[in-house]
């Protein structure tokens, strides 16, 4: 059943060349990875009900086949607490080019990391791991290994980072749940290997990690050219 779900999503996305975020997260969830609680809707009433029952603020994102990089189009709004704020932002997002739906998610806090994969023409699938968020290109603190990964590979990747203390915890701050992070990276690498003929690259950034879990907050999957 899970393989059928993955194949169905990949097949319907081939003409676009990449997988829309809600579908990309559905693939990640099908592998047992944590994603934020969310609703995909064009209805403010439904979105407002979701906000009312959420544990805290929400994030709203435009879902459009014409918008690959959301930040460049101001297609992501974080820290939405009130119905008025949600309504105003939904109305603005729905005017963006090609917007079909709004993805409204519970906002997740934690240490931002990046997990990625790319099919290298020489080595095959490789996995990238490092400190994530919007500053990832500035710090460029990442580790790369060939897939599939073992738990020892994950530990080696963490220890190779300049900011490894952020992962392990420092100055009284809580670090990342290494069991959850290892499970995510090892199984993510297996997923990439299984679908290397279909997937060109994957970018999970950020993944929010705490002492309890690692949650995939954003996911972008590029498909192999037909």
N, C-alpha and C. Protein backbone atom coordinates (compact mmCIF):
# COMPACT_ATOMS: atom_id res chain seq x y z
N UNK A 1 0.83 -1.21 0.00
CA UNK A 1 0.00 0.00 0.00
C UNK A 1 0.86 1.26 0.00
N UNK A 2 1.93 1.25 0.82
CA UNK A 2 2.79 2.43 0.89
C UNK A 2 3.49 2.66 -0.44
N UNK A 3 3.99 1.58 -1.07
CA UNK A 3 4.65 1.71 -2.36
C UNK A 3 3.69 2.26 -3.40
N UNK A 4 2.42 1.84 -3.35
CA UNK A 4 1.43 2.33 -4.29
C UNK A 4 1.19 3.83 -4.10
N UNK A 5 1.19 4.27 -2.84
CA UNK A 5 1.01 5.69 -2.54
C UNK A 5 2.15 6.51 -3.11
N UNK A 6 3.38 6.04 -2.90
CA UNK A 6 4.55 6.74 -3.41
C UNK A 6 4.52 6.80 -4.94
N UNK A 7 4.26 5.67 -5.58
CA UNK A 7 4.24 5.62 -7.05
C UNK A 7 3.15 6.52 -7.62
N UNK A 8 2.00 6.55 -6.96
CA UNK A 8 0.89 7.39 -7.43
C UNK A 8 1.26 8.86 -7.37
N UNK A 9 1.86 9.28 -6.29
CA UNK A 9 2.25 10.68 -6.14
C UNK A 9 3.33 11.05 -7.14
N UNK A 10 4.33 10.19 -7.31
CA UNK A 10 5.41 10.46 -8.26
C UNK A 10 4.86 10.53 -9.68
N UNK A 11 3.97 9.60 -10.02
CA UNK A 11 3.43 9.55 -11.38
C UNK A 11 2.64 10.81 -11.72
N UNK A 12 1.82 11.27 -10.78
CA UNK A 12 0.99 12.45 -11.06
C UNK A 12 1.81 13.75 -11.08
N UNK A 13 3.04 13.69 -10.56
CA UNK A 13 3.88 14.88 -10.48
C UNK A 13 4.91 14.97 -11.61
N UNK A 14 5.03 13.92 -12.41
CA UNK A 14 6.10 13.87 -13.41
C UNK A 14 6.01 15.00 -14.42
N UNK A 15 4.80 15.35 -14.84
CA UNK A 15 4.66 16.41 -15.83
C UNK A 15 5.10 17.76 -15.28
N UNK A 16 4.99 17.93 -13.96
CA UNK A 16 5.42 19.17 -13.31
C UNK A 16 6.93 19.20 -13.10
N UNK A 17 7.51 18.02 -12.84
CA UNK A 17 8.95 17.93 -12.63
C UNK A 17 9.36 17.99 -11.17
N UNK A 18 8.42 18.28 -10.29
CA UNK A 18 8.67 18.29 -8.86
C UNK A 18 7.37 18.01 -8.12
N UNK A 19 7.49 17.69 -6.85
CA UNK A 19 6.34 17.28 -6.07
C UNK A 19 5.91 18.41 -5.13
N UNK A 20 4.65 18.77 -5.20
CA UNK A 20 4.14 19.82 -4.33
C UNK A 20 4.33 19.44 -2.86
N UNK A 21 4.52 20.45 -2.01
CA UNK A 21 4.86 20.20 -0.61
C UNK A 21 3.88 19.26 0.11
N UNK A 22 2.55 19.43 -0.03
CA UNK A 22 1.66 18.50 0.68
C UNK A 22 1.89 17.05 0.28
N UNK A 23 2.15 16.82 -1.01
CA UNK A 23 2.40 15.45 -1.47
C UNK A 23 3.78 14.97 -1.01
N UNK A 24 4.76 15.86 -1.03
CA UNK A 24 6.10 15.49 -0.56
C UNK A 24 6.05 15.07 0.91
N UNK A 25 5.28 15.79 1.69
CA UNK A 25 5.15 15.44 3.11
C UNK A 25 4.35 14.16 3.29
N UNK A 26 3.40 13.91 2.40
CA UNK A 26 2.66 12.65 2.46
C UNK A 26 3.61 11.47 2.23
N UNK A 27 4.58 11.66 1.32
CA UNK A 27 5.57 10.61 1.10
C UNK A 27 6.41 10.39 2.35
N UNK A 28 6.84 11.47 2.97
CA UNK A 28 7.65 11.37 4.17
C UNK A 28 6.84 10.70 5.31
N UNK A 29 5.58 11.06 5.42
CA UNK A 29 4.74 10.46 6.46
C UNK A 29 4.54 8.98 6.21
N UNK A 30 4.46 8.59 4.94
CA UNK A 30 4.27 7.18 4.61
C UNK A 30 5.45 6.32 5.04
N UNK A 31 6.61 6.98 5.23
CA UNK A 31 7.80 6.27 5.72
C UNK A 31 7.90 6.30 7.25
N UNK A 32 6.91 6.88 7.90
CA UNK A 32 6.92 6.92 9.35
C UNK A 32 7.61 8.12 9.93
N UNK A 33 7.93 9.12 9.09
CA UNK A 33 8.59 10.33 9.58
C UNK A 33 7.54 11.31 10.11
N UNK A 34 7.95 12.13 11.07
CA UNK A 34 7.04 13.10 11.68
C UNK A 34 6.94 14.35 10.82
N UNK A 35 5.71 14.81 10.61
CA UNK A 35 5.43 16.08 9.95
C UNK A 35 4.45 16.85 10.82
N UNK A 36 4.34 18.16 10.65
CA UNK A 36 3.42 18.93 11.50
C UNK A 36 1.96 18.57 11.22
N UNK A 37 1.11 18.69 12.24
CA UNK A 37 -0.32 18.60 12.02
C UNK A 37 -0.72 19.74 11.08
N UNK A 38 -1.61 19.43 10.13
CA UNK A 38 -1.91 20.45 9.11
C UNK A 38 -3.29 20.23 8.51
N UNK A 39 -3.70 21.23 7.72
CA UNK A 39 -4.89 21.11 6.91
C UNK A 39 -4.59 21.77 5.56
N UNK A 40 -5.03 21.15 4.49
CA UNK A 40 -4.89 21.71 3.14
C UNK A 40 -6.27 22.16 2.69
N UNK A 41 -6.44 23.45 2.48
CA UNK A 41 -7.78 23.97 2.23
C UNK A 41 -7.72 25.30 1.48
N UNK A 42 -8.84 25.66 0.88
CA UNK A 42 -9.01 27.00 0.32
C UNK A 42 -10.06 27.77 1.11
N UNK A 43 -10.56 27.14 2.17
CA UNK A 43 -11.64 27.72 2.97
C UNK A 43 -11.08 28.36 4.24
N UNK A 44 -11.37 29.64 4.44
CA UNK A 44 -10.94 30.30 5.67
C UNK A 44 -11.62 29.68 6.88
N UNK A 45 -12.88 29.29 6.75
CA UNK A 45 -13.60 28.70 7.86
C UNK A 45 -12.90 27.44 8.36
N UNK A 46 -12.49 26.58 7.44
CA UNK A 46 -11.79 25.35 7.82
C UNK A 46 -10.43 25.67 8.45
N UNK A 47 -9.74 26.63 7.84
CA UNK A 47 -8.43 27.01 8.36
C UNK A 47 -8.55 27.62 9.75
N UNK A 48 -9.59 28.42 9.96
CA UNK A 48 -9.78 29.06 11.27
C UNK A 48 -10.13 28.03 12.34
N UNK A 49 -10.90 27.02 11.98
CA UNK A 49 -11.20 25.94 12.92
C UNK A 49 -9.92 25.20 13.32
N UNK A 50 -9.04 25.01 12.33
CA UNK A 50 -7.75 24.35 12.61
C UNK A 50 -6.94 25.20 13.58
N UNK A 51 -6.89 26.51 13.34
CA UNK A 51 -6.17 27.43 14.22
C UNK A 51 -6.73 27.37 15.64
N UNK A 52 -8.04 27.36 15.75
CA UNK A 52 -8.70 27.35 17.06
C UNK A 52 -8.30 26.12 17.88
N UNK A 53 -8.15 25.00 17.21
CA UNK A 53 -7.84 23.74 17.91
C UNK A 53 -6.35 23.45 17.97
N UNK A 54 -5.52 24.35 17.43
CA UNK A 54 -4.08 24.14 17.46
C UNK A 54 -3.51 24.47 18.83
N UNK A 55 -2.34 23.92 19.12
CA UNK A 55 -1.69 24.12 20.41
C UNK A 55 -1.03 25.50 20.51
N UNK A 56 -0.80 26.13 19.37
CA UNK A 56 -0.13 27.42 19.36
C UNK A 56 -0.31 28.10 18.03
N UNK A 57 0.65 28.94 17.64
CA UNK A 57 0.54 29.63 16.35
C UNK A 57 0.63 28.66 15.18
N UNK A 58 0.19 29.11 14.01
CA UNK A 58 0.24 28.29 12.80
C UNK A 58 1.04 29.00 11.72
N UNK A 59 1.37 28.22 10.71
CA UNK A 59 2.05 28.71 9.52
C UNK A 59 1.11 28.52 8.34
N UNK A 60 1.07 29.49 7.44
CA UNK A 60 0.25 29.38 6.23
C UNK A 60 1.16 29.47 5.01
N UNK A 61 0.95 28.55 4.05
CA UNK A 61 1.79 28.49 2.85
C UNK A 61 0.92 28.37 1.61
N UNK A 62 1.26 29.13 0.59
CA UNK A 62 0.57 28.99 -0.69
C UNK A 62 1.05 27.72 -1.37
N UNK A 63 0.12 26.96 -1.90
CA UNK A 63 0.45 25.75 -2.67
C UNK A 63 0.15 26.05 -4.13
N UNK A 64 1.22 26.17 -4.92
CA UNK A 64 1.09 26.57 -6.32
C UNK A 64 2.09 25.81 -7.17
N UNK A 65 1.64 25.32 -8.31
CA UNK A 65 2.53 24.63 -9.25
C UNK A 65 3.49 25.60 -9.93
N UNK A 66 3.27 26.90 -9.75
CA UNK A 66 4.13 27.91 -10.35
C UNK A 66 5.11 28.52 -9.34
N UNK A 67 5.04 28.07 -8.09
CA UNK A 67 5.93 28.60 -7.06
C UNK A 67 6.73 27.45 -6.45
N UNK A 68 7.99 27.36 -6.84
CA UNK A 68 8.87 26.31 -6.31
C UNK A 68 9.56 26.79 -5.03
N UNK A 69 10.09 28.03 -5.08
CA UNK A 69 10.79 28.60 -3.92
C UNK A 69 9.86 29.61 -3.25
N UNK A 70 9.22 29.19 -2.19
CA UNK A 70 8.16 30.00 -1.58
C UNK A 70 8.67 31.31 -1.00
N UNK A 71 9.86 31.31 -0.38
CA UNK A 71 10.34 32.53 0.26
C UNK A 71 10.55 33.65 -0.75
N UNK A 72 10.90 33.29 -1.98
CA UNK A 72 11.11 34.31 -3.00
C UNK A 72 9.82 35.01 -3.40
N UNK A 73 8.69 34.38 -3.12
CA UNK A 73 7.39 34.94 -3.48
C UNK A 73 6.59 35.36 -2.26
N UNK A 74 7.25 35.39 -1.10
CA UNK A 74 6.55 35.69 0.16
C UNK A 74 5.31 34.81 0.31
N UNK A 75 5.50 33.52 0.02
CA UNK A 75 4.40 32.56 0.03
C UNK A 75 4.31 31.78 1.32
N UNK A 76 5.08 32.18 2.33
CA UNK A 76 5.05 31.53 3.64
C UNK A 76 4.86 32.60 4.71
N UNK A 77 3.92 32.36 5.62
CA UNK A 77 3.69 33.27 6.74
C UNK A 77 3.75 32.47 8.04
N UNK A 78 4.63 32.87 8.94
CA UNK A 78 4.76 32.18 10.22
C UNK A 78 4.15 33.01 11.36
N UNK A 79 3.97 32.37 12.50
CA UNK A 79 3.53 33.09 13.69
C UNK A 79 2.14 33.67 13.61
N UNK A 80 1.20 32.92 13.05
CA UNK A 80 -0.19 33.38 12.97
C UNK A 80 -0.94 32.93 14.22
N UNK A 81 -1.37 33.89 15.04
CA UNK A 81 -2.07 33.59 16.28
C UNK A 81 -3.58 33.82 16.20
N UNK A 82 -3.98 34.83 15.38
CA UNK A 82 -5.38 35.27 15.43
C UNK A 82 -6.12 34.97 14.13
N UNK A 83 -7.45 34.92 14.24
CA UNK A 83 -8.29 34.70 13.07
C UNK A 83 -8.14 35.82 12.05
N UNK A 84 -8.05 37.06 12.52
CA UNK A 84 -7.92 38.20 11.61
C UNK A 84 -6.61 38.10 10.81
N UNK A 85 -5.54 37.77 11.51
CA UNK A 85 -4.25 37.63 10.84
C UNK A 85 -4.31 36.51 9.81
N UNK A 86 -4.90 35.40 10.18
CA UNK A 86 -5.03 34.26 9.27
C UNK A 86 -5.85 34.64 8.04
N UNK A 87 -6.96 35.33 8.25
CA UNK A 87 -7.82 35.71 7.13
C UNK A 87 -7.10 36.64 6.17
N UNK A 88 -6.41 37.64 6.71
CA UNK A 88 -5.70 38.59 5.86
C UNK A 88 -4.61 37.90 5.04
N UNK A 89 -3.88 37.01 5.68
CA UNK A 89 -2.79 36.34 4.98
C UNK A 89 -3.31 35.33 3.96
N UNK A 90 -4.38 34.64 4.28
CA UNK A 90 -4.96 33.71 3.30
C UNK A 90 -5.44 34.45 2.06
N UNK A 91 -6.06 35.60 2.26
CA UNK A 91 -6.53 36.39 1.12
C UNK A 91 -5.36 36.84 0.25
N UNK A 92 -4.25 37.22 0.90
CA UNK A 92 -3.06 37.64 0.14
C UNK A 92 -2.43 36.45 -0.58
N UNK A 93 -2.28 35.34 0.11
CA UNK A 93 -1.65 34.16 -0.49
C UNK A 93 -2.46 33.63 -1.67
N UNK A 94 -3.76 33.68 -1.56
CA UNK A 94 -4.61 33.16 -2.63
C UNK A 94 -4.54 33.99 -3.91
N UNK A 95 -3.96 35.18 -3.81
CA UNK A 95 -3.78 36.03 -5.00
C UNK A 95 -2.45 35.77 -5.69
N UNK A 96 -1.58 34.98 -5.06
CA UNK A 96 -0.29 34.68 -5.67
C UNK A 96 -0.48 33.79 -6.89
N UNK A 97 0.46 33.86 -7.81
CA UNK A 97 0.34 33.17 -9.09
C UNK A 97 0.14 31.66 -8.90
N UNK A 98 -0.94 31.17 -9.49
CA UNK A 98 -1.19 29.73 -9.52
C UNK A 98 -1.62 29.12 -8.20
N UNK A 99 -1.91 29.92 -7.18
CA UNK A 99 -2.25 29.37 -5.87
C UNK A 99 -3.55 28.56 -5.96
N UNK A 100 -3.47 27.29 -5.56
CA UNK A 100 -4.62 26.40 -5.61
C UNK A 100 -5.21 26.15 -4.23
N UNK A 101 -4.35 26.07 -3.23
CA UNK A 101 -4.78 25.79 -1.86
C UNK A 101 -3.82 26.47 -0.89
N UNK A 102 -4.22 26.48 0.37
CA UNK A 102 -3.35 26.97 1.43
C UNK A 102 -3.06 25.80 2.38
N UNK A 103 -1.79 25.59 2.65
CA UNK A 103 -1.38 24.60 3.64
C UNK A 103 -1.20 25.32 4.97
N UNK A 104 -2.05 24.98 5.93
CA UNK A 104 -1.98 25.59 7.26
C UNK A 104 -1.47 24.52 8.23
N UNK A 105 -0.37 24.83 8.91
CA UNK A 105 0.29 23.85 9.77
C UNK A 105 0.53 24.42 11.17
N UNK A 106 0.57 23.53 12.14
CA UNK A 106 1.00 23.94 13.47
C UNK A 106 2.48 24.30 13.41
N UNK A 107 2.84 25.39 14.06
CA UNK A 107 4.21 25.86 14.05
C UNK A 107 5.05 25.01 15.01
N UNK A 108 6.20 24.55 14.53
CA UNK A 108 7.06 23.65 15.30
C UNK A 108 8.34 24.38 15.68
N UNK A 109 8.75 24.24 16.92
CA UNK A 109 9.98 24.85 17.41
C UNK A 109 11.06 23.77 17.57
N UNK A 110 12.32 24.19 17.54
CA UNK A 110 13.40 23.25 17.75
C UNK A 110 14.69 23.72 17.11
N UNK A 111 15.67 22.86 17.08
CA UNK A 111 16.95 23.14 16.41
C UNK A 111 16.76 22.86 14.93
N UNK A 112 17.10 23.84 14.10
CA UNK A 112 16.90 23.70 12.67
C UNK A 112 18.07 22.94 12.02
N UNK A 113 17.74 21.85 11.38
CA UNK A 113 18.75 21.14 10.60
C UNK A 113 18.26 20.97 9.16
N UNK A 114 19.16 20.63 8.30
CA UNK A 114 18.83 20.35 6.91
C UNK A 114 19.22 18.91 6.60
N UNK A 115 18.35 18.22 5.90
CA UNK A 115 18.64 16.89 5.38
C UNK A 115 18.30 16.90 3.90
N UNK A 116 19.23 16.47 3.10
CA UNK A 116 19.01 16.49 1.67
C UNK A 116 19.57 15.25 0.99
N UNK A 117 19.22 15.10 -0.27
CA UNK A 117 19.73 13.98 -1.07
C UNK A 117 19.85 14.43 -2.51
N UNK A 118 20.84 13.88 -3.19
CA UNK A 118 21.02 14.17 -4.60
C UNK A 118 21.58 12.95 -5.29
N UNK A 119 21.10 12.72 -6.50
CA UNK A 119 21.63 11.62 -7.30
C UNK A 119 22.85 12.11 -8.06
N UNK A 120 24.01 11.76 -7.58
CA UNK A 120 25.26 12.14 -8.23
C UNK A 120 25.49 11.23 -9.43
N UNK A 121 25.86 11.82 -10.57
CA UNK A 121 26.01 11.02 -11.80
C UNK A 121 27.12 10.00 -11.68
N UNK A 122 28.08 10.25 -10.78
CA UNK A 122 29.20 9.33 -10.63
C UNK A 122 29.03 8.36 -9.46
N UNK A 123 28.54 8.87 -8.32
CA UNK A 123 28.49 8.05 -7.11
C UNK A 123 27.10 7.53 -6.78
N UNK A 124 26.07 8.01 -7.45
CA UNK A 124 24.72 7.62 -7.10
C UNK A 124 24.17 8.49 -5.99
N UNK A 125 23.17 8.01 -5.26
CA UNK A 125 22.53 8.83 -4.23
C UNK A 125 23.50 9.18 -3.09
N UNK A 126 23.55 10.47 -2.76
CA UNK A 126 24.35 10.94 -1.62
C UNK A 126 23.43 11.72 -0.69
N UNK A 127 23.76 11.69 0.59
CA UNK A 127 22.94 12.33 1.62
C UNK A 127 23.71 13.51 2.21
N UNK A 128 23.00 14.62 2.37
CA UNK A 128 23.57 15.83 2.97
C UNK A 128 22.87 16.08 4.30
N UNK A 129 23.67 16.42 5.32
CA UNK A 129 23.12 16.72 6.64
C UNK A 129 23.88 17.90 7.23
N UNK A 130 23.17 18.80 7.89
CA UNK A 130 23.87 19.91 8.52
C UNK A 130 22.93 20.84 9.25
N UNK A 131 23.49 21.97 9.67
CA UNK A 131 22.70 23.00 10.33
C UNK A 131 21.83 23.67 9.28
N UNK A 132 20.52 23.77 9.55
CA UNK A 132 19.59 24.22 8.52
C UNK A 132 19.02 25.60 8.76
N UNK A 133 17.86 25.83 8.14
CA UNK A 133 17.20 27.12 8.23
C UNK A 133 17.59 28.03 7.08
N UNK A 134 17.20 29.30 7.19
CA UNK A 134 17.46 30.25 6.11
C UNK A 134 18.94 30.60 5.98
N UNK A 135 19.74 30.33 7.03
CA UNK A 135 21.16 30.69 7.00
C UNK A 135 22.06 29.56 6.54
N UNK A 136 21.48 28.48 6.03
CA UNK A 136 22.27 27.30 5.68
C UNK A 136 23.35 27.62 4.65
N UNK A 137 23.04 28.51 3.69
CA UNK A 137 24.02 28.83 2.64
C UNK A 137 25.13 29.73 3.17
N UNK A 138 24.86 30.45 4.25
CA UNK A 138 25.88 31.33 4.82
C UNK A 138 26.90 30.51 5.60
N UNK A 139 26.41 29.64 6.48
CA UNK A 139 27.31 28.87 7.34
C UNK A 139 27.93 27.69 6.60
N UNK A 140 27.19 27.11 5.66
CA UNK A 140 27.71 26.00 4.85
C UNK A 140 28.34 24.92 5.74
N UNK A 141 27.65 24.58 6.81
CA UNK A 141 28.14 23.59 7.76
C UNK A 141 27.39 22.28 7.54
N UNK A 142 27.87 21.49 6.58
CA UNK A 142 27.19 20.26 6.22
C UNK A 142 28.17 19.11 6.08
N UNK A 143 27.62 17.90 6.13
CA UNK A 143 28.40 16.68 5.92
C UNK A 143 27.72 15.87 4.82
N UNK A 144 28.50 15.19 4.02
CA UNK A 144 27.98 14.42 2.90
C UNK A 144 28.48 12.98 2.99
N UNK A 145 27.56 12.02 2.77
CA UNK A 145 27.92 10.62 2.73
C UNK A 145 27.12 9.93 1.63
N UNK A 146 27.68 8.84 1.13
CA UNK A 146 26.95 8.05 0.14
C UNK A 146 25.85 7.24 0.83
N UNK A 147 24.74 7.09 0.15
CA UNK A 147 23.64 6.27 0.65
C UNK A 147 23.90 4.80 0.30
N UNK A 148 23.35 3.88 1.14
CA UNK A 148 22.55 4.10 2.34
C UNK A 148 23.44 4.37 3.56
N UNK A 149 22.86 5.02 4.55
CA UNK A 149 23.58 5.35 5.77
C UNK A 149 23.38 4.28 6.83
N UNK A 150 24.38 4.12 7.67
CA UNK A 150 24.27 3.30 8.87
C UNK A 150 24.22 4.23 10.08
N UNK A 151 23.84 3.74 11.25
CA UNK A 151 23.89 4.58 12.45
C UNK A 151 25.27 5.17 12.71
N UNK A 152 26.32 4.41 12.42
CA UNK A 152 27.69 4.94 12.59
C UNK A 152 27.95 6.10 11.64
N UNK A 153 27.39 6.03 10.43
CA UNK A 153 27.55 7.14 9.48
C UNK A 153 26.91 8.41 10.02
N UNK A 154 25.74 8.26 10.63
CA UNK A 154 25.04 9.42 11.19
C UNK A 154 25.89 10.06 12.28
N UNK A 155 26.44 9.26 13.17
CA UNK A 155 27.29 9.79 14.24
C UNK A 155 28.51 10.49 13.67
N UNK A 156 29.09 9.91 12.63
CA UNK A 156 30.25 10.52 11.98
C UNK A 156 29.89 11.86 11.35
N UNK A 157 28.72 11.95 10.74
CA UNK A 157 28.28 13.20 10.10
C UNK A 157 28.09 14.29 11.15
N UNK A 158 27.46 13.92 12.26
CA UNK A 158 27.24 14.90 13.33
C UNK A 158 28.58 15.40 13.87
N UNK A 159 29.49 14.48 14.13
CA UNK A 159 30.78 14.85 14.72
C UNK A 159 31.66 15.66 13.77
N UNK A 160 31.37 15.62 12.48
CA UNK A 160 32.18 16.37 11.51
C UNK A 160 31.75 17.82 11.38
N UNK A 161 30.60 18.18 11.95
CA UNK A 161 30.10 19.55 11.84
C UNK A 161 30.87 20.49 12.76
N UNK A 162 31.09 21.72 12.32
CA UNK A 162 31.71 22.73 13.18
C UNK A 162 30.78 23.04 14.36
N UNK A 163 29.48 22.98 14.10
CA UNK A 163 28.49 23.31 15.13
C UNK A 163 27.90 22.05 15.75
N UNK A 164 28.71 21.02 15.91
CA UNK A 164 28.19 19.76 16.45
C UNK A 164 27.64 19.92 17.87
N UNK A 165 28.16 20.92 18.61
CA UNK A 165 27.66 21.14 19.97
C UNK A 165 26.19 21.57 19.97
N UNK A 166 25.75 22.18 18.88
CA UNK A 166 24.34 22.56 18.78
C UNK A 166 23.48 21.29 18.76
N UNK A 167 23.96 20.27 18.09
CA UNK A 167 23.24 19.01 18.01
C UNK A 167 23.27 18.28 19.35
N UNK A 168 24.44 18.26 19.98
CA UNK A 168 24.60 17.49 21.23
C UNK A 168 24.09 18.25 22.45
N UNK A 169 24.00 19.56 22.34
CA UNK A 169 23.58 20.39 23.47
C UNK A 169 24.78 21.04 24.13
N UNK A 170 24.67 22.32 24.48
CA UNK A 170 25.79 23.03 25.09
C UNK A 170 25.27 24.15 25.99
N UNK A 171 26.09 24.52 26.98
CA UNK A 171 25.78 25.60 27.92
C UNK A 171 24.38 25.46 28.51
N UNK A 172 24.04 24.23 28.87
CA UNK A 172 22.75 23.98 29.50
C UNK A 172 21.59 23.83 28.56
N UNK A 173 21.84 24.04 27.26
CA UNK A 173 20.76 23.91 26.29
C UNK A 173 20.57 22.45 25.90
N UNK A 174 19.32 22.09 25.66
CA UNK A 174 18.99 20.72 25.30
C UNK A 174 19.38 20.44 23.86
N UNK A 175 19.98 19.29 23.62
CA UNK A 175 20.36 18.91 22.27
C UNK A 175 19.26 18.15 21.56
N UNK A 176 19.66 17.48 20.49
CA UNK A 176 18.75 16.74 19.62
C UNK A 176 18.63 15.30 20.11
N UNK A 177 17.45 14.72 19.98
CA UNK A 177 17.24 13.31 20.26
C UNK A 177 17.98 12.50 19.18
N UNK A 178 19.13 11.95 19.54
CA UNK A 178 19.96 11.26 18.55
C UNK A 178 19.31 9.99 18.02
N UNK A 179 18.49 9.35 18.82
CA UNK A 179 17.80 8.15 18.34
C UNK A 179 16.82 8.52 17.23
N UNK A 180 16.06 9.61 17.44
CA UNK A 180 15.11 10.06 16.43
C UNK A 180 15.83 10.54 15.18
N UNK A 181 16.93 11.28 15.36
CA UNK A 181 17.69 11.79 14.22
C UNK A 181 18.30 10.64 13.41
N UNK A 182 18.84 9.66 14.11
CA UNK A 182 19.44 8.51 13.43
C UNK A 182 18.39 7.72 12.66
N UNK A 183 17.24 7.51 13.28
CA UNK A 183 16.15 6.80 12.59
C UNK A 183 15.75 7.54 11.32
N UNK A 184 15.63 8.85 11.42
CA UNK A 184 15.23 9.65 10.26
C UNK A 184 16.27 9.56 9.15
N UNK A 185 17.53 9.77 9.46
CA UNK A 185 18.57 9.78 8.43
C UNK A 185 18.77 8.41 7.79
N UNK A 186 18.80 7.37 8.59
CA UNK A 186 19.01 6.02 8.06
C UNK A 186 17.86 5.62 7.14
N UNK A 187 16.64 5.83 7.59
CA UNK A 187 15.48 5.44 6.78
C UNK A 187 15.26 6.37 5.60
N UNK A 188 15.60 7.64 5.76
CA UNK A 188 15.55 8.57 4.63
C UNK A 188 16.50 8.12 3.53
N UNK A 189 17.70 7.71 3.91
CA UNK A 189 18.68 7.26 2.91
C UNK A 189 18.20 6.01 2.18
N UNK A 190 17.49 5.13 2.89
CA UNK A 190 16.94 3.94 2.26
C UNK A 190 15.84 4.31 1.27
N UNK A 191 15.01 5.29 1.66
CA UNK A 191 13.96 5.77 0.77
C UNK A 191 14.57 6.33 -0.53
N UNK A 192 15.63 7.08 -0.39
CA UNK A 192 16.30 7.66 -1.56
C UNK A 192 16.85 6.56 -2.46
N UNK A 193 17.45 5.55 -1.88
CA UNK A 193 17.98 4.44 -2.67
C UNK A 193 16.86 3.72 -3.43
N UNK A 194 15.75 3.51 -2.77
CA UNK A 194 14.64 2.79 -3.38
C UNK A 194 14.04 3.53 -4.57
N UNK A 195 14.15 4.87 -4.55
CA UNK A 195 13.50 5.66 -5.59
C UNK A 195 14.50 6.51 -6.39
N UNK A 196 15.73 6.03 -6.50
CA UNK A 196 16.76 6.81 -7.18
C UNK A 196 16.47 6.98 -8.67
N UNK A 197 15.69 6.09 -9.27
CA UNK A 197 15.37 6.22 -10.69
C UNK A 197 14.31 7.28 -10.95
N UNK A 198 13.60 7.67 -9.91
CA UNK A 198 12.54 8.67 -10.06
C UNK A 198 12.92 10.04 -9.51
N UNK A 199 13.72 10.04 -8.45
CA UNK A 199 13.99 11.29 -7.72
C UNK A 199 15.38 11.83 -8.04
N UNK A 200 15.44 13.10 -8.40
CA UNK A 200 16.72 13.76 -8.68
C UNK A 200 17.32 14.34 -7.41
N UNK A 201 16.49 14.98 -6.59
CA UNK A 201 16.99 15.56 -5.34
C UNK A 201 15.85 15.75 -4.36
N UNK A 202 16.21 15.80 -3.08
CA UNK A 202 15.25 16.08 -2.01
C UNK A 202 15.87 17.09 -1.07
N UNK A 203 15.07 18.05 -0.65
CA UNK A 203 15.53 19.07 0.30
C UNK A 203 14.53 19.14 1.44
N UNK A 204 14.95 18.70 2.61
CA UNK A 204 14.14 18.82 3.82
C UNK A 204 14.78 19.91 4.66
N UNK A 205 14.21 21.12 4.60
CA UNK A 205 14.82 22.25 5.28
C UNK A 205 13.77 23.32 5.58
N UNK A 206 13.51 23.53 6.88
CA UNK A 206 14.20 22.89 8.00
C UNK A 206 13.51 21.63 8.48
N UNK A 207 14.29 20.83 9.17
CA UNK A 207 13.76 19.78 10.04
C UNK A 207 13.98 20.27 11.46
N UNK A 208 12.92 20.36 12.23
CA UNK A 208 13.01 20.87 13.60
C UNK A 208 13.21 19.71 14.57
N UNK A 209 14.32 19.74 15.28
CA UNK A 209 14.66 18.66 16.20
C UNK A 209 14.69 19.15 17.64
N UNK A 210 14.18 18.32 18.53
CA UNK A 210 14.17 18.59 19.96
C UNK A 210 14.70 17.36 20.70
N UNK A 211 14.59 17.38 22.01
CA UNK A 211 15.00 16.22 22.81
C UNK A 211 14.04 15.05 22.63
N UNK A 212 12.88 15.32 21.98
CA UNK A 212 11.86 14.28 21.83
C UNK A 212 11.72 13.75 20.40
N UNK A 213 11.86 14.62 19.41
CA UNK A 213 11.55 14.19 18.05
C UNK A 213 12.22 15.09 17.01
N UNK A 214 12.13 14.66 15.75
CA UNK A 214 12.57 15.45 14.60
C UNK A 214 11.40 15.54 13.64
N UNK A 215 10.96 16.77 13.34
CA UNK A 215 9.77 17.01 12.54
C UNK A 215 10.16 17.70 11.23
N UNK A 216 9.71 17.15 10.12
CA UNK A 216 10.00 17.72 8.80
C UNK A 216 9.03 18.88 8.56
N UNK A 217 9.55 20.09 8.60
CA UNK A 217 8.72 21.29 8.47
C UNK A 217 8.53 21.70 7.01
N UNK A 218 9.53 21.47 6.18
CA UNK A 218 9.41 21.79 4.76
C UNK A 218 10.06 20.69 3.95
N UNK A 219 9.48 20.38 2.80
CA UNK A 219 10.00 19.30 1.96
C UNK A 219 9.83 19.66 0.49
N UNK A 220 10.92 19.54 -0.25
CA UNK A 220 10.86 19.77 -1.70
C UNK A 220 11.53 18.59 -2.41
N UNK A 221 10.83 17.98 -3.34
CA UNK A 221 11.35 16.82 -4.08
C UNK A 221 11.35 17.14 -5.56
N UNK A 222 12.54 17.07 -6.17
CA UNK A 222 12.68 17.26 -7.61
C UNK A 222 12.77 15.88 -8.27
N UNK A 223 12.08 15.72 -9.39
CA UNK A 223 12.03 14.44 -10.06
C UNK A 223 13.04 14.39 -11.21
N UNK A 224 13.42 13.16 -11.55
CA UNK A 224 14.30 12.96 -12.70
C UNK A 224 13.59 13.43 -13.96
N UNK A 225 14.32 14.07 -14.89
CA UNK A 225 13.72 14.46 -16.16
C UNK A 225 13.19 13.24 -16.90
N UNK A 226 12.05 13.40 -17.54
CA UNK A 226 11.46 12.28 -18.28
C UNK A 226 12.38 11.87 -19.43
